[in-house]
């Protein structure tokens, strides 16, 4: 099926179902990238390779994670930092 037919059919479904006019085929790609990060926890490099981006900055444009995800990610980093800090003392020499 040619791309134009696929887009036309997608647009017809969007209109028929009453979804927002801005929903397009690219929205599915953005959702895919976001879900790989947010729900499945894949590493950025893996996701970048999955969608064929040369630069991580391009992949980040596609990512629209929720504020809940951002909070969970920040808490994980803070917990690791606090644990690393409290589990070692700066005056002890490391072997």
N, C-alpha and C. Protein backbone atom coordinates (compact mmCIF):
# COMPACT_ATOMS: atom_id res chain seq x y z
N UNK A 1 0.86 -1.18 0.00
CA UNK A 1 0.00 0.00 0.00
C UNK A 1 0.90 1.24 0.00
N UNK A 2 0.71 2.16 -0.94
CA UNK A 2 1.51 3.37 -0.98
C UNK A 2 1.32 4.21 0.28
N UNK A 3 2.36 4.99 0.61
CA UNK A 3 2.31 5.81 1.83
C UNK A 3 1.11 6.75 1.85
N UNK A 4 0.81 7.34 0.72
CA UNK A 4 -0.29 8.31 0.68
C UNK A 4 -1.62 7.64 1.06
N UNK A 5 -1.84 6.39 0.61
CA UNK A 5 -3.06 5.67 0.97
C UNK A 5 -3.10 5.38 2.46
N UNK A 6 -1.97 4.99 3.02
CA UNK A 6 -1.90 4.71 4.45
C UNK A 6 -2.20 5.97 5.26
N UNK A 7 -1.62 7.08 4.86
CA UNK A 7 -1.88 8.35 5.56
C UNK A 7 -3.34 8.76 5.43
N UNK A 8 -3.90 8.58 4.25
CA UNK A 8 -5.30 8.94 4.05
C UNK A 8 -6.21 8.09 4.93
N UNK A 9 -5.95 6.80 4.99
CA UNK A 9 -6.77 5.91 5.83
C UNK A 9 -6.59 6.24 7.31
N UNK A 10 -5.34 6.51 7.70
CA UNK A 10 -5.08 6.88 9.09
C UNK A 10 -5.85 8.15 9.44
N UNK A 11 -5.79 9.16 8.57
CA UNK A 11 -6.50 10.42 8.79
C UNK A 11 -8.00 10.17 8.90
N UNK A 12 -8.56 9.30 8.07
CA UNK A 12 -9.99 8.99 8.11
C UNK A 12 -10.35 8.36 9.46
N UNK A 13 -9.51 7.44 9.95
CA UNK A 13 -9.78 6.82 11.25
C UNK A 13 -9.70 7.86 12.38
N UNK A 14 -8.71 8.71 12.32
CA UNK A 14 -8.55 9.76 13.33
C UNK A 14 -9.80 10.63 13.37
N UNK A 15 -10.24 11.05 12.21
CA UNK A 15 -11.43 11.91 12.13
C UNK A 15 -12.68 11.18 12.61
N UNK A 16 -12.84 9.94 12.15
CA UNK A 16 -14.03 9.15 12.50
C UNK A 16 -14.10 8.89 14.01
N UNK A 17 -12.96 8.67 14.63
CA UNK A 17 -12.94 8.37 16.06
C UNK A 17 -12.92 9.63 16.93
N UNK A 18 -12.80 10.79 16.30
CA UNK A 18 -12.84 12.04 17.04
C UNK A 18 -11.55 12.36 17.78
N UNK A 19 -10.45 11.80 17.32
CA UNK A 19 -9.16 12.11 17.94
C UNK A 19 -8.71 13.51 17.51
N UNK A 20 -7.77 14.10 18.24
CA UNK A 20 -7.32 15.45 17.90
C UNK A 20 -6.74 15.51 16.48
N UNK A 21 -6.94 16.64 15.83
CA UNK A 21 -6.49 16.81 14.45
C UNK A 21 -4.97 16.68 14.31
N UNK A 22 -4.22 17.00 15.35
CA UNK A 22 -2.76 16.94 15.30
C UNK A 22 -2.19 15.53 15.33
N UNK A 23 -3.04 14.53 15.59
CA UNK A 23 -2.57 13.15 15.64
C UNK A 23 -2.22 12.69 14.23
N UNK A 24 -0.96 12.25 14.06
CA UNK A 24 -0.53 11.80 12.75
C UNK A 24 0.31 10.54 12.90
N UNK A 25 0.80 10.02 11.78
CA UNK A 25 1.59 8.79 11.81
C UNK A 25 2.86 8.98 12.65
N UNK A 26 3.40 10.18 12.62
CA UNK A 26 4.62 10.44 13.39
C UNK A 26 4.33 10.38 14.90
N UNK A 27 3.10 10.63 15.29
CA UNK A 27 2.71 10.52 16.71
C UNK A 27 2.94 9.11 17.21
N UNK A 28 2.69 8.13 16.34
CA UNK A 28 2.91 6.73 16.72
C UNK A 28 4.39 6.48 16.99
N UNK A 29 5.25 7.07 16.19
CA UNK A 29 6.70 6.92 16.37
C UNK A 29 7.14 7.55 17.69
N UNK A 30 6.62 8.74 17.98
CA UNK A 30 6.96 9.40 19.24
C UNK A 30 6.47 8.57 20.43
N UNK A 31 5.28 8.01 20.32
CA UNK A 31 4.75 7.17 21.39
C UNK A 31 5.61 5.93 21.60
N UNK A 32 6.04 5.34 20.51
CA UNK A 32 6.90 4.15 20.58
C UNK A 32 8.18 4.46 21.35
N UNK A 33 8.84 5.55 20.99
CA UNK A 33 10.08 5.93 21.67
C UNK A 33 9.83 6.19 23.15
N UNK A 34 8.79 6.94 23.45
CA UNK A 34 8.47 7.26 24.84
C UNK A 34 8.17 6.00 25.64
N UNK A 35 7.41 5.08 25.08
CA UNK A 35 7.08 3.85 25.79
C UNK A 35 8.31 2.98 26.03
N UNK A 36 9.23 2.94 25.08
CA UNK A 36 10.45 2.16 25.30
C UNK A 36 11.21 2.67 26.51
N UNK A 37 11.24 3.98 26.69
CA UNK A 37 11.91 4.57 27.85
C UNK A 37 11.09 4.41 29.12
N UNK A 38 9.88 4.93 29.07
CA UNK A 38 9.08 5.09 30.28
C UNK A 38 8.54 3.77 30.84
N UNK A 39 8.00 2.93 30.01
CA UNK A 39 7.35 1.74 30.51
C UNK A 39 8.25 0.51 30.53
N UNK A 40 9.20 0.47 29.61
CA UNK A 40 10.03 -0.72 29.51
C UNK A 40 11.46 -0.50 29.99
N UNK A 41 11.85 0.74 30.21
CA UNK A 41 13.14 1.05 30.79
C UNK A 41 14.35 0.75 29.93
N UNK A 42 14.18 0.75 28.62
CA UNK A 42 15.32 0.48 27.75
C UNK A 42 16.32 1.62 27.83
N UNK A 43 17.58 1.30 27.61
CA UNK A 43 18.65 2.30 27.61
C UNK A 43 18.51 3.21 26.39
N UNK A 44 18.99 4.43 26.54
CA UNK A 44 18.89 5.43 25.47
C UNK A 44 19.57 4.96 24.18
N UNK A 45 20.72 4.34 24.31
CA UNK A 45 21.45 3.89 23.12
C UNK A 45 20.65 2.85 22.35
N UNK A 46 20.01 1.93 23.07
CA UNK A 46 19.19 0.92 22.41
C UNK A 46 18.04 1.56 21.65
N UNK A 47 17.34 2.49 22.31
CA UNK A 47 16.20 3.15 21.67
C UNK A 47 16.67 3.94 20.45
N UNK A 48 17.78 4.63 20.59
CA UNK A 48 18.34 5.40 19.48
C UNK A 48 18.59 4.49 18.28
N UNK A 49 19.14 3.31 18.54
CA UNK A 49 19.40 2.36 17.45
C UNK A 49 18.09 1.81 16.88
N UNK A 50 17.12 1.57 17.72
CA UNK A 50 15.83 1.04 17.26
C UNK A 50 15.16 1.95 16.24
N UNK A 51 15.25 3.25 16.48
CA UNK A 51 14.56 4.18 15.58
C UNK A 51 15.48 4.75 14.51
N UNK A 52 16.74 4.31 14.50
CA UNK A 52 17.65 4.68 13.44
C UNK A 52 18.19 6.09 13.50
N UNK A 53 18.31 6.64 14.71
CA UNK A 53 18.86 7.99 14.84
C UNK A 53 20.37 7.93 14.99
N UNK A 54 21.04 8.80 14.30
CA UNK A 54 22.49 8.89 14.40
C UNK A 54 22.91 9.57 15.71
N UNK A 55 22.12 10.55 16.14
CA UNK A 55 22.47 11.34 17.33
C UNK A 55 21.41 11.16 18.44
N UNK A 56 21.89 11.07 19.66
CA UNK A 56 20.98 10.94 20.82
C UNK A 56 20.08 12.16 20.94
N UNK A 57 20.58 13.31 20.53
CA UNK A 57 19.77 14.53 20.63
C UNK A 57 18.51 14.42 19.77
N UNK A 58 18.59 13.71 18.67
CA UNK A 58 17.41 13.52 17.82
C UNK A 58 16.40 12.65 18.55
N UNK A 59 16.87 11.59 19.18
CA UNK A 59 15.97 10.70 19.92
C UNK A 59 15.29 11.45 21.05
N UNK A 60 16.01 12.35 21.70
CA UNK A 60 15.43 13.09 22.83
C UNK A 60 14.28 13.98 22.38
N UNK A 61 14.28 14.41 21.13
CA UNK A 61 13.17 15.22 20.61
C UNK A 61 11.89 14.40 20.61
N UNK A 62 12.01 13.11 20.40
CA UNK A 62 10.84 12.22 20.31
C UNK A 62 10.29 11.83 21.67
N UNK A 63 11.03 12.10 22.70
CA UNK A 63 10.68 11.61 24.02
C UNK A 63 9.82 12.61 24.77
N UNK A 64 8.68 12.16 25.24
CA UNK A 64 7.79 13.02 26.01
C UNK A 64 7.32 12.24 27.23
N UNK A 65 8.25 11.94 28.13
CA UNK A 65 7.89 11.13 29.29
C UNK A 65 7.07 11.95 30.28
N UNK A 66 6.29 11.26 31.08
CA UNK A 66 5.40 11.92 32.04
C UNK A 66 6.19 12.47 33.22
N UNK A 67 5.55 13.35 33.95
CA UNK A 67 6.21 13.91 35.14
C UNK A 67 6.42 12.83 36.19
N UNK A 68 5.54 11.83 36.25
CA UNK A 68 5.73 10.71 37.19
C UNK A 68 7.01 9.95 36.86
N UNK A 69 7.24 9.71 35.58
CA UNK A 69 8.46 9.02 35.17
C UNK A 69 9.69 9.86 35.53
N UNK A 70 9.62 11.14 35.26
CA UNK A 70 10.74 12.03 35.58
C UNK A 70 11.04 12.01 37.07
N UNK A 71 10.00 12.01 37.89
CA UNK A 71 10.18 11.97 39.34
C UNK A 71 10.81 10.65 39.77
N UNK A 72 10.33 9.53 39.22
CA UNK A 72 10.90 8.23 39.57
C UNK A 72 12.37 8.14 39.16
N UNK A 73 12.69 8.65 37.97
CA UNK A 73 14.07 8.61 37.49
C UNK A 73 14.97 9.46 38.37
N UNK A 74 14.52 10.63 38.74
CA UNK A 74 15.29 11.51 39.61
C UNK A 74 15.49 10.87 40.98
N UNK A 75 14.46 10.26 41.52
CA UNK A 75 14.58 9.58 42.82
C UNK A 75 15.59 8.44 42.77
N UNK A 76 15.61 7.68 41.68
CA UNK A 76 16.60 6.60 41.55
C UNK A 76 18.02 7.15 41.58
N UNK A 77 18.25 8.22 40.85
CA UNK A 77 19.59 8.83 40.82
C UNK A 77 19.96 9.36 42.20
N UNK A 78 19.03 10.04 42.84
CA UNK A 78 19.30 10.58 44.18
C UNK A 78 19.59 9.47 45.19
N UNK A 79 18.82 8.39 45.13
CA UNK A 79 19.05 7.27 46.04
C UNK A 79 20.43 6.66 45.82
N UNK A 80 20.82 6.46 44.56
CA UNK A 80 22.16 5.92 44.28
C UNK A 80 23.25 6.84 44.79
N UNK A 81 23.06 8.14 44.59
CA UNK A 81 24.05 9.12 45.04
C UNK A 81 24.16 9.12 46.55
N UNK A 82 23.03 9.11 47.23
CA UNK A 82 23.03 9.11 48.70
C UNK A 82 23.65 7.82 49.22
N UNK A 83 23.28 6.69 48.62
CA UNK A 83 23.85 5.41 49.06
C UNK A 83 25.36 5.37 48.84
N UNK A 84 25.82 5.87 47.72
CA UNK A 84 27.26 5.88 47.45
C UNK A 84 27.98 6.78 48.44
N UNK A 85 27.36 7.86 48.82
CA UNK A 85 27.97 8.81 49.74
C UNK A 85 27.99 8.27 51.16
N UNK A 86 26.92 7.64 51.58
CA UNK A 86 26.84 7.15 52.96
C UNK A 86 27.58 5.84 53.17
N UNK A 87 27.86 5.11 52.09
CA UNK A 87 28.54 3.83 52.22
C UNK A 87 30.05 3.95 52.19
N UNK A 88 30.58 5.13 51.98
CA UNK A 88 32.02 5.30 52.02
C UNK A 88 32.35 6.58 52.75
N UNK A 89 33.46 6.59 53.40
CA UNK A 89 33.88 7.79 54.10
C UNK A 89 35.10 8.37 53.38
N UNK A 90 35.12 9.67 53.23
CA UNK A 90 36.16 10.30 52.41
C UNK A 90 37.56 10.16 53.01
N UNK A 91 37.67 9.92 54.33
CA UNK A 91 38.99 9.85 54.94
C UNK A 91 39.62 8.47 54.86
N UNK A 92 38.83 7.46 54.45
CA UNK A 92 39.39 6.13 54.30
C UNK A 92 40.06 6.00 52.95
N UNK A 93 41.22 5.39 52.96
CA UNK A 93 41.88 5.14 51.68
C UNK A 93 41.30 3.93 51.01
N UNK A 94 41.12 4.03 49.73
CA UNK A 94 40.61 2.88 48.97
C UNK A 94 41.81 2.02 48.55
N UNK A 95 41.63 0.70 48.56
CA UNK A 95 42.73 -0.17 48.15
C UNK A 95 43.08 -0.01 46.68
